[in-house]
């Protein structure tokens, strides 16, 4: 009695079934792709630059907010002193 295995394609050189050859080639391809992915650091570098830019932005926003509050308090103090001086005359 014939089975489905009797009609599978066979590699002409080594006699292995082509499905075995293709799965071996596929696994080699995937392992090379995965190892290249692990060695590639260009994406990591871009992420690091993005994190540095975000940190600098937070520092600038914090400094500007603090400076703005300090300037506001200084000008309010000057305004109050000028109003008090004008009220005396």
PDB file of N, CA and C in Angstrom:
ATOM      1  N   UNK A   1       0.840  -1.177   0.000  1.00  0.00           N
ATOM      2  CA  UNK A   1       0.000   0.000   0.000  1.00  0.00           C
ATOM      3  C   UNK A   1       0.892   1.249   0.000  1.00  0.00           C
ATOM      4  N   UNK A   2       0.515   2.235  -0.820  1.00  0.00           N
ATOM      5  CA  UNK A   2       1.292   3.467  -0.929  1.00  0.00           C
ATOM      6  C   UNK A   2       0.861   4.459   0.144  1.00  0.00           C
ATOM      7  N   UNK A   3       1.842   5.223   0.615  1.00  0.00           N
ATOM      8  CA  UNK A   3       1.545   6.255   1.611  1.00  0.00           C
ATOM      9  C   UNK A   3       1.946   7.610   1.045  1.00  0.00           C
ATOM     10  N   UNK A   4       1.598   8.656   1.786  1.00  0.00           N
ATOM     11  CA  UNK A   4       1.944  10.012   1.357  1.00  0.00           C
ATOM     12  C   UNK A   4       3.453  10.204   1.337  1.00  0.00           C
ATOM     13  N   UNK A   5       4.184   9.489   2.189  1.00  0.00           N
ATOM     14  CA  UNK A   5       5.645   9.606   2.227  1.00  0.00           C
ATOM     15  C   UNK A   5       6.293   9.107   0.940  1.00  0.00           C
ATOM     16  N   UNK A   6       5.623   8.222   0.215  1.00  0.00           N
ATOM     17  CA  UNK A   6       6.194   7.682  -1.023  1.00  0.00           C
ATOM     18  C   UNK A   6       6.303   8.756  -2.099  1.00  0.00           C
ATOM     19  N   UNK A   7       5.521   9.813  -2.016  1.00  0.00           N
ATOM     20  CA  UNK A   7       5.482  10.834  -3.061  1.00  0.00           C
ATOM     21  C   UNK A   7       6.133  12.155  -2.653  1.00  0.00           C
ATOM     22  N   UNK A   8       6.815  12.178  -1.542  1.00  0.00           N
ATOM     23  CA  UNK A   8       7.489  13.411  -1.124  1.00  0.00           C
ATOM     24  C   UNK A   8       8.700  13.653  -2.001  1.00  0.00           C
ATOM     25  N   UNK A   9       8.979  14.938  -2.236  1.00  0.00           N
ATOM     26  CA  UNK A   9      10.122  15.300  -3.061  1.00  0.00           C
ATOM     27  C   UNK A   9      11.408  15.005  -2.310  1.00  0.00           C
ATOM     28  N   UNK A  10      12.396  14.514  -3.065  1.00  0.00           N
ATOM     29  CA  UNK A  10      13.672  14.138  -2.472  1.00  0.00           C
ATOM     30  C   UNK A  10      14.760  14.979  -3.123  1.00  0.00           C
ATOM     31  N   UNK A  11      15.700  15.449  -2.287  1.00  0.00           N
ATOM     32  CA  UNK A  11      16.824  16.239  -2.788  1.00  0.00           C
ATOM     33  C   UNK A  11      17.650  15.374  -3.723  1.00  0.00           C
ATOM     34  N   UNK A  12      18.028  15.893  -4.899  1.00  0.00           N
ATOM     35  CA  UNK A  12      18.720  15.048  -5.881  1.00  0.00           C
ATOM     36  C   UNK A  12      20.129  14.637  -5.475  1.00  0.00           C
ATOM     37  N   UNK A  13      20.785  15.369  -4.566  1.00  0.00           N
ATOM     38  CA  UNK A  13      22.169  15.040  -4.226  1.00  0.00           C
ATOM     39  C   UNK A  13      22.258  14.163  -2.989  1.00  0.00           C
ATOM     40  N   UNK A  14      21.652  14.634  -1.884  1.00  0.00           N
ATOM     41  CA  UNK A  14      21.832  13.885  -0.642  1.00  0.00           C
ATOM     42  C   UNK A  14      20.675  12.936  -0.326  1.00  0.00           C
ATOM     43  N   UNK A  15      19.623  12.957  -1.105  1.00  0.00           N
ATOM     44  CA  UNK A  15      18.523  12.018  -0.922  1.00  0.00           C
ATOM     45  C   UNK A  15      17.602  12.339   0.240  1.00  0.00           C
ATOM     46  N   UNK A  16      17.846  13.444   0.940  1.00  0.00           N
ATOM     47  CA  UNK A  16      16.948  13.825   2.033  1.00  0.00           C
ATOM     48  C   UNK A  16      15.664  14.401   1.465  1.00  0.00           C
ATOM     49  N   UNK A  17      14.636  14.294   2.242  1.00  0.00           N
ATOM     50  CA  UNK A  17      13.382  14.893   1.803  1.00  0.00           C
ATOM     51  C   UNK A  17      13.528  16.409   1.790  1.00  0.00           C
ATOM     52  N   UNK A  18      12.926  17.053   0.790  1.00  0.00           N
ATOM     53  CA  UNK A  18      13.079  18.496   0.641  1.00  0.00           C
ATOM     54  C   UNK A  18      12.507  19.260   1.824  1.00  0.00           C
ATOM     55  N   UNK A  19      11.490  18.719   2.461  1.00  0.00           N
ATOM     56  CA  UNK A  19      10.949  19.430   3.625  1.00  0.00           C
ATOM     57  C   UNK A  19      11.989  19.517   4.732  1.00  0.00           C
ATOM     58  N   UNK A  20      12.803  18.452   4.880  1.00  0.00           N
ATOM     59  CA  UNK A  20      13.869  18.481   5.885  1.00  0.00           C
ATOM     60  C   UNK A  20      14.949  19.494   5.497  1.00  0.00           C
ATOM     61  N   UNK A  21      15.300  19.538   4.212  1.00  0.00           N
ATOM     62  CA  UNK A  21      16.311  20.469   3.729  1.00  0.00           C
ATOM     63  C   UNK A  21      15.829  21.898   3.912  1.00  0.00           C
ATOM     64  N   UNK A  22      14.573  22.167   3.544  1.00  0.00           N
ATOM     65  CA  UNK A  22      14.039  23.526   3.671  1.00  0.00           C
ATOM     66  C   UNK A  22      13.924  23.950   5.118  1.00  0.00           C
ATOM     67  N   UNK A  23      13.508  23.048   5.992  1.00  0.00           N
ATOM     68  CA  UNK A  23      13.396  23.430   7.402  1.00  0.00           C
ATOM     69  C   UNK A  23      14.771  23.703   7.997  1.00  0.00           C
ATOM     70  N   UNK A  24      15.794  22.952   7.545  1.00  0.00           N
ATOM     71  CA  UNK A  24      17.158  23.202   8.016  1.00  0.00           C
ATOM     72  C   UNK A  24      17.647  24.560   7.526  1.00  0.00           C
ATOM     73  N   UNK A  25      17.414  24.847   6.250  1.00  0.00           N
ATOM     74  CA  UNK A  25      17.829  26.142   5.711  1.00  0.00           C
ATOM     75  C   UNK A  25      17.079  27.274   6.393  1.00  0.00           C
ATOM     76  N   UNK A  26      15.803  27.064   6.664  1.00  0.00           N
ATOM     77  CA  UNK A  26      15.002  28.094   7.330  1.00  0.00           C
ATOM     78  C   UNK A  26      15.532  28.345   8.739  1.00  0.00           C
ATOM     79  N   UNK A  27      15.859  27.295   9.454  1.00  0.00           N
ATOM     80  CA  UNK A  27      16.362  27.486  10.815  1.00  0.00           C
ATOM     81  C   UNK A  27      17.733  28.173  10.796  1.00  0.00           C
ATOM     82  N   UNK A  28      18.585  27.856   9.805  1.00  0.00           N
ATOM     83  CA  UNK A  28      19.870  28.555   9.690  1.00  0.00           C
ATOM     84  C   UNK A  28      19.660  30.033   9.380  1.00  0.00           C
ATOM     85  N   UNK A  29      18.733  30.313   8.469  1.00  0.00           N
ATOM     86  CA  UNK A  29      18.421  31.698   8.130  1.00  0.00           C
ATOM     87  C   UNK A  29      17.929  32.464   9.351  1.00  0.00           C
ATOM     88  N   UNK A  30      17.019  31.865  10.111  1.00  0.00           N
ATOM     89  CA  UNK A  30      16.473  32.539  11.290  1.00  0.00           C
ATOM     90  C   UNK A  30      17.538  32.734  12.365  1.00  0.00           C
ATOM     91  N   UNK A  31      18.425  31.757  12.531  1.00  0.00           N
ATOM     92  CA  UNK A  31      19.469  31.922  13.555  1.00  0.00           C
ATOM     93  C   UNK A  31      20.449  33.027  13.157  1.00  0.00           C
ATOM     94  N   UNK A  32      20.791  33.116  11.847  1.00  0.00           N
ATOM     95  CA  UNK A  32      21.661  34.207  11.394  1.00  0.00           C
ATOM     96  C   UNK A  32      20.968  35.557  11.558  1.00  0.00           C
ATOM     97  N   UNK A  33      19.690  35.618  11.233  1.00  0.00           N
ATOM     98  CA  UNK A  33      18.930  36.853  11.370  1.00  0.00           C
ATOM     99  C   UNK A  33      18.861  37.289  12.830  1.00  0.00           C
ATOM    100  N   UNK A  34      18.631  36.335  13.713  1.00  0.00           N
ATOM    101  CA  UNK A  34      18.532  36.641  15.135  1.00  0.00           C
ATOM    102  C   UNK A  34      19.882  37.108  15.685  1.00  0.00           C
ATOM    103  N   UNK A  35      20.983  36.461  15.253  1.00  0.00           N
ATOM    104  CA  UNK A  35      22.297  36.875  15.743  1.00  0.00           C
ATOM    105  C   UNK A  35      22.659  38.260  15.218  1.00  0.00           C
ATOM    106  N   UNK A  36      22.271  38.572  13.966  1.00  0.00           N
ATOM    107  CA  UNK A  36      22.508  39.929  13.443  1.00  0.00           C
ATOM    108  C   UNK A  36      21.707  40.951  14.235  1.00  0.00           C
ATOM    109  N   UNK A  37      20.478  40.582  14.586  1.00  0.00           N
ATOM    110  CA  UNK A  37      19.630  41.483  15.373  1.00  0.00           C
ATOM    111  C   UNK A  37      20.265  41.767  16.734  1.00  0.00           C
ATOM    112  N   UNK A  38      20.824  40.755  17.367  1.00  0.00           N
ATOM    113  CA  UNK A  38      21.451  40.947  18.677  1.00  0.00           C
ATOM    114  C   UNK A  38      22.720  41.785  18.593  1.00  0.00           C
ATOM    115  N   UNK A  39      23.454  41.675  17.483  1.00  0.00           N
ATOM    116  CA  UNK A  39      24.698  42.432  17.328  1.00  0.00           C
ATOM    117  C   UNK A  39      24.459  43.870  16.896  1.00  0.00           C
ATOM    118  N   UNK A  40      23.319  44.144  16.287  1.00  0.00           N
ATOM    119  CA  UNK A  40      23.034  45.482  15.765  1.00  0.00           C
ATOM    120  C   UNK A  40      22.739  46.433  16.915  1.00  0.00           C
ATOM    121  N   UNK A  41      23.539  47.491  17.015  1.00  0.00           N
ATOM    122  CA  UNK A  41      23.375  48.449  18.109  1.00  0.00           C
ATOM    123  C   UNK A  41      22.894  49.812  17.621  1.00  0.00           C
ATOM    124  N   UNK A  42      22.563  49.938  16.347  1.00  0.00           N
ATOM    125  CA  UNK A  42      22.153  51.247  15.836  1.00  0.00           C
ATOM    126  C   UNK A  42      20.833  51.690  16.449  1.00  0.00           C
ATOM    127  N   UNK A  43      19.914  50.781  16.664  1.00  0.00           N
ATOM    128  CA  UNK A  43      18.649  51.141  17.304  1.00  0.00           C
ATOM    129  C   UNK A  43      18.849  51.540  18.754  1.00  0.00           C
ATOM    130  N   UNK A  44      19.733  50.839  19.433  1.00  0.00           N
ATOM    131  CA  UNK A  44      20.013  51.163  20.837  1.00  0.00           C
ATOM    132  C   UNK A  44      20.636  52.548  20.947  1.00  0.00           C
ATOM    133  N   UNK A  45      21.498  52.888  20.012  1.00  0.00           N
ATOM    134  CA  UNK A  45      22.126  54.211  20.024  1.00  0.00           C
ATOM    135  C   UNK A  45      21.086  55.301  19.826  1.00  0.00           C
ATOM    136  N   UNK A  46      20.151  55.083  18.912  1.00  0.00           N
ATOM    137  CA  UNK A  46      19.099  56.072  18.678  1.00  0.00           C
ATOM    138  C   UNK A  46      18.231  56.242  19.926  1.00  0.00           C
ATOM    139  N   UNK A  47      17.938  55.153  20.597  1.00  0.00           N
ATOM    140  CA  UNK A  47      17.139  55.234  21.822  1.00  0.00           C
ATOM    141  C   UNK A  47      17.911  55.990  22.901  1.00  0.00           C
ATOM    142  N   UNK A  48      19.205  55.730  23.008  1.00  0.00           N
ATOM    143  CA  UNK A  48      20.009  56.441  24.005  1.00  0.00           C
ATOM    144  C   UNK A  48      20.015  57.942  23.733  1.00  0.00           C
ATOM    145  N   UNK A  49      20.182  58.337  22.475  1.00  0.00           N
ATOM    146  CA  UNK A  49      20.144  59.759  22.138  1.00  0.00           C
ATOM    147  C   UNK A  49      18.774  60.359  22.452  1.00  0.00           C
ATOM    148  N   UNK A  50      17.727  59.611  22.209  1.00  0.00           N
ATOM    149  CA  UNK A  50      16.382  60.089  22.537  1.00  0.00           C
ATOM    150  C   UNK A  50      16.199  60.294  24.030  1.00  0.00           C
ATOM    151  N   UNK A  51      16.720  59.367  24.822  1.00  0.00           N
ATOM    152  CA  UNK A  51      16.620  59.506  26.281  1.00  0.00           C
ATOM    153  C   UNK A  51      17.433  60.696  26.786  1.00  0.00           C
ATOM    154  N   UNK A  52      18.607  60.903  26.210  1.00  0.00           N
ATOM    155  CA  UNK A  52      19.418  62.061  26.602  1.00  0.00           C
ATOM    156  C   UNK A  52      18.691  63.358  26.254  1.00  0.00           C
ATOM    157  N   UNK A  53      18.097  63.424  25.059  1.00  0.00           N
ATOM    158  CA  UNK A  53      17.353  64.624  24.655  1.00  0.00           C
ATOM    159  C   UNK A  53      16.168  64.867  25.581  1.00  0.00           C
ATOM    160  N   UNK A  54      15.472  63.808  25.970  1.00  0.00           N
ATOM    161  CA  UNK A  54      14.336  63.956  26.886  1.00  0.00           C
ATOM    162  C   UNK A  54      14.801  64.463  28.248  1.00  0.00           C
ATOM    163  N   UNK A  55      15.910  63.950  28.732  1.00  0.00           N
ATOM    164  CA  UNK A  55      16.447  64.388  30.024  1.00  0.00           C
ATOM    165  C   UNK A  55      16.866  65.855  29.979  1.00  0.00           C
ATOM    166  N   UNK A  56      17.501  66.262  28.896  1.00  0.00           N
ATOM    167  CA  UNK A  56      17.889  67.668  28.742  1.00  0.00           C
ATOM    168  C   UNK A  56      16.648  68.549  28.677  1.00  0.00           C
ATOM    169  N   UNK A  57      15.610  68.094  27.974  1.00  0.00           N
ATOM    170  CA  UNK A  57      14.366  68.877  27.888  1.00  0.00           C
ATOM    171  C   UNK A  57      13.732  69.062  29.261  1.00  0.00           C
ATOM    172  N   UNK A  58      13.718  68.009  30.060  1.00  0.00           N
ATOM    173  CA  UNK A  58      13.149  68.110  31.413  1.00  0.00           C
ATOM    174  C   UNK A  58      13.963  69.094  32.253  1.00  0.00           C
ATOM    175  N   UNK A  59      15.287  69.047  32.124  1.00  0.00           N
ATOM    176  CA  UNK A  59      16.136  69.974  32.880  1.00  0.00           C
ATOM    177  C   UNK A  59      15.885  71.415  32.458  1.00  0.00           C
ATOM    178  N   UNK A  60      15.731  71.660  31.159  1.00  0.00           N
ATOM    179  CA  UNK A  60      15.470  73.013  30.671  1.00  0.00           C
ATOM    180  C   UNK A  60      14.116  73.509  31.151  1.00  0.00           C
ATOM    181  N   UNK A  61      13.100  72.664  31.094  1.00  0.00           N
ATOM    182  CA  UNK A  61      11.759  73.064  31.544  1.00  0.00           C
ATOM    183  C   UNK A  61      11.776  73.377  33.039  1.00  0.00           C
ATOM    184  N   UNK A  62      12.459  72.545  33.819  1.00  0.00           N
ATOM    185  CA  UNK A  62      12.549  72.788  35.268  1.00  0.00           C
ATOM    186  C   UNK A  62      13.268  74.098  35.553  1.00  0.00           C
ATOM    187  N   UNK A  63      14.380  74.345  34.859  1.00  0.00           N
ATOM    188  CA  UNK A  63      15.139  75.585  35.072  1.00  0.00           C
ATOM    189  C   UNK A  63      14.322  76.801  34.651  1.00  0.00           C
ATOM    190  N   UNK A  64      13.621  76.715  33.533  1.00  0.00           N
ATOM    191  CA  UNK A  64      12.812  77.848  33.064  1.00  0.00           C
ATOM    192  C   UNK A  64      11.665  78.134  34.023  1.00  0.00           C
ATOM    193  N   UNK A  65      11.049  77.104  34.551  1.00  0.00           N
ATOM    194  CA  UNK A  65       9.949  77.292  35.514  1.00  0.00           C
ATOM    195  C   UNK A  65      10.458  77.956  36.788  1.00  0.00           C
ATOM    196  N   UNK A  66      11.591  77.488  37.282  1.00  0.00           N
ATOM    197  CA  UNK A  66      12.173  78.069  38.496  1.00  0.00           C
ATOM    198  C   UNK A  66      12.574  79.520  38.258  1.00  0.00           C
ATOM    199  N   UNK A  67      13.223  79.772  37.131  1.00  0.00           N
ATOM    200  CA  UNK A  67      13.625  81.132  36.787  1.00  0.00           C
ATOM    201  C   UNK A  67      12.401  82.038  36.625  1.00  0.00           C
ATOM    202  N   UNK A  68      11.359  81.538  36.000  1.00  0.00           N
ATOM    203  CA  UNK A  68      10.128  82.328  35.817  1.00  0.00           C
ATOM    204  C   UNK A  68       9.491  82.691  37.142  1.00  0.00           C
ATOM    205  N   UNK A  69       9.458  81.747  38.063  1.00  0.00           N
ATOM    206  CA  UNK A  69       8.887  82.024  39.392  1.00  0.00           C
ATOM    207  C   UNK A  69       9.736  83.059  40.132  1.00  0.00           C
ATOM    208  N   UNK A  70      11.049  82.914  40.049  1.00  0.00           N
ATOM    209  CA  UNK A  70      11.947  83.865  40.715  1.00  0.00           C
ATOM    210  C   UNK A  70      11.792  85.265  40.121  1.00  0.00           C
ATOM    211  N   UNK A  71      11.740  85.364  38.798  1.00  0.00           N
ATOM    212  CA  UNK A  71      11.560  86.668  38.148  1.00  0.00           C
ATOM    213  C   UNK A  71      10.216  87.290  38.505  1.00  0.00           C
ATOM    214  N   UNK A  72       9.186  86.461  38.556  1.00  0.00           N
ATOM    215  CA  UNK A  72       7.862  86.969  38.918  1.00  0.00           C
ATOM    216  C   UNK A  72       7.873  87.540  40.332  1.00  0.00           C
ATOM    217  N   UNK A  73       8.494  86.831  41.257  1.00  0.00           N
ATOM    218  CA  UNK A  73       8.577  87.321  42.639  1.00  0.00           C
ATOM    219  C   UNK A  73       9.405  88.607  42.710  1.00  0.00           C
ATOM    220  N   UNK A  74      10.486  88.690  41.957  1.00  0.00           N
ATOM    221  CA  UNK A  74      11.335  89.889  41.959  1.00  0.00           C
ATOM    222  C   UNK A  74      10.574  91.093  41.431  1.00  0.00           C
ATOM    223  N   UNK A  75       9.886  90.944  40.311  1.00  0.00           N
ATOM    224  CA  UNK A  75       9.138  92.065  39.743  1.00  0.00           C
ATOM    225  C   UNK A  75       7.948  92.462  40.619  1.00  0.00           C
ATOM    226  N   UNK A  76       7.344  91.482  41.282  1.00  0.00           N
ATOM    227  CA  UNK A  76       6.254  91.820  42.218  1.00  0.00           C
ATOM    228  C   UNK A  76       6.792  92.634  43.391  1.00  0.00           C
ATOM    229  N   UNK A  77       7.953  92.260  43.897  1.00  0.00           N
ATOM    230  CA  UNK A  77       8.571  92.996  44.995  1.00  0.00           C
ATOM    231  C   UNK A  77       8.920  94.425  44.571  1.00  0.00           C
ATOM    232  N   UNK A  78       9.499  94.581  43.383  1.00  0.00           N
ATOM    233  CA  UNK A  78       9.833  95.916  42.872  1.00  0.00           C
ATOM    234  C   UNK A  78       8.568  96.741  42.691  1.00  0.00           C
ATOM    235  N   UNK A  79       7.516  96.126  42.180  1.00  0.00           N
ATOM    236  CA  UNK A  79       6.247  96.838  41.967  1.00  0.00           C
ATOM    237  C   UNK A  79       5.658  97.312  43.296  1.00  0.00           C
ATOM    238  N   UNK A  80       5.700  96.433  44.286  1.00  0.00           N
ATOM    239  CA  UNK A  80       5.175  96.821  45.607  1.00  0.00           C
ATOM    240  C   UNK A  80       5.988  97.971  46.215  1.00  0.00           C
ATOM    241  N   UNK A  81       7.305  97.943  46.093  1.00  0.00           N
ATOM    242  CA  UNK A  81       8.152  99.011  46.621  1.00  0.00           C
ATOM    243  C   UNK A  81       7.875 100.334  45.910  1.00  0.00           C
ATOM    244  N   UNK A  82       7.675 100.255  44.594  1.00  0.00           N
ATOM    245  CA  UNK A  82       7.392 101.494  43.843  1.00  0.00           C
ATOM    246  C   UNK A  82       6.019 102.045  44.221  1.00  0.00           C
ATOM    247  N   UNK A  83       5.023 101.177  44.402  1.00  0.00           N
ATOM    248  CA  UNK A  83       3.698 101.615  44.826  1.00  0.00           C
ATOM    249  C   UNK A  83       3.732 102.243  46.203  1.00  0.00           C
ATOM    250  N   UNK A  84       4.500 101.635  47.125  1.00  0.00           N
ATOM    251  CA  UNK A  84       4.627 102.169  48.476  1.00  0.00           C
ATOM    252  C   UNK A  84       5.334 103.541  48.458  1.00  0.00           C
ATOM    253  N   UNK A  85       6.364 103.635  47.603  1.00  0.00           N
ATOM    254  CA  UNK A  85       7.091 104.906  47.510  1.00  0.00           C
ATOM    255  C   UNK A  85       6.188 105.984  46.897  1.00  0.00           C
ATOM    256  N   UNK A  86       5.382 105.648  45.930  1.00  0.00           N
ATOM    257  CA  UNK A  86       4.478 106.618  45.298  1.00  0.00           C
ATOM    258  C   UNK A  86       3.387 107.038  46.267  1.00  0.00           C
ATOM    259  N   UNK A  87       2.956 106.145  47.156  1.00  0.00           N
ATOM    260  CA  UNK A  87       1.895 106.470  48.101  1.00  0.00           C
ATOM    261  C   UNK A  87       2.384 107.465  49.157  1.00  0.00           C
ATOM    262  N   UNK A  88       3.688 107.472  49.444  1.00  0.00           N
ATOM    263  CA  UNK A  88       4.232 108.403  50.417  1.00  0.00           C
ATOM    264  C   UNK A  88       4.257 109.819  49.888  1.00  0.00           C
ATOM    265  N   UNK A  89       4.327 110.032  48.598  1.00  0.00           N
ATOM    266  CA  UNK A  89       4.445 111.378  48.040  1.00  0.00           C
ATOM    267  C   UNK A  89       3.163 111.835  47.502  1.00  0.00           C
TER     268      UNK A  89
END
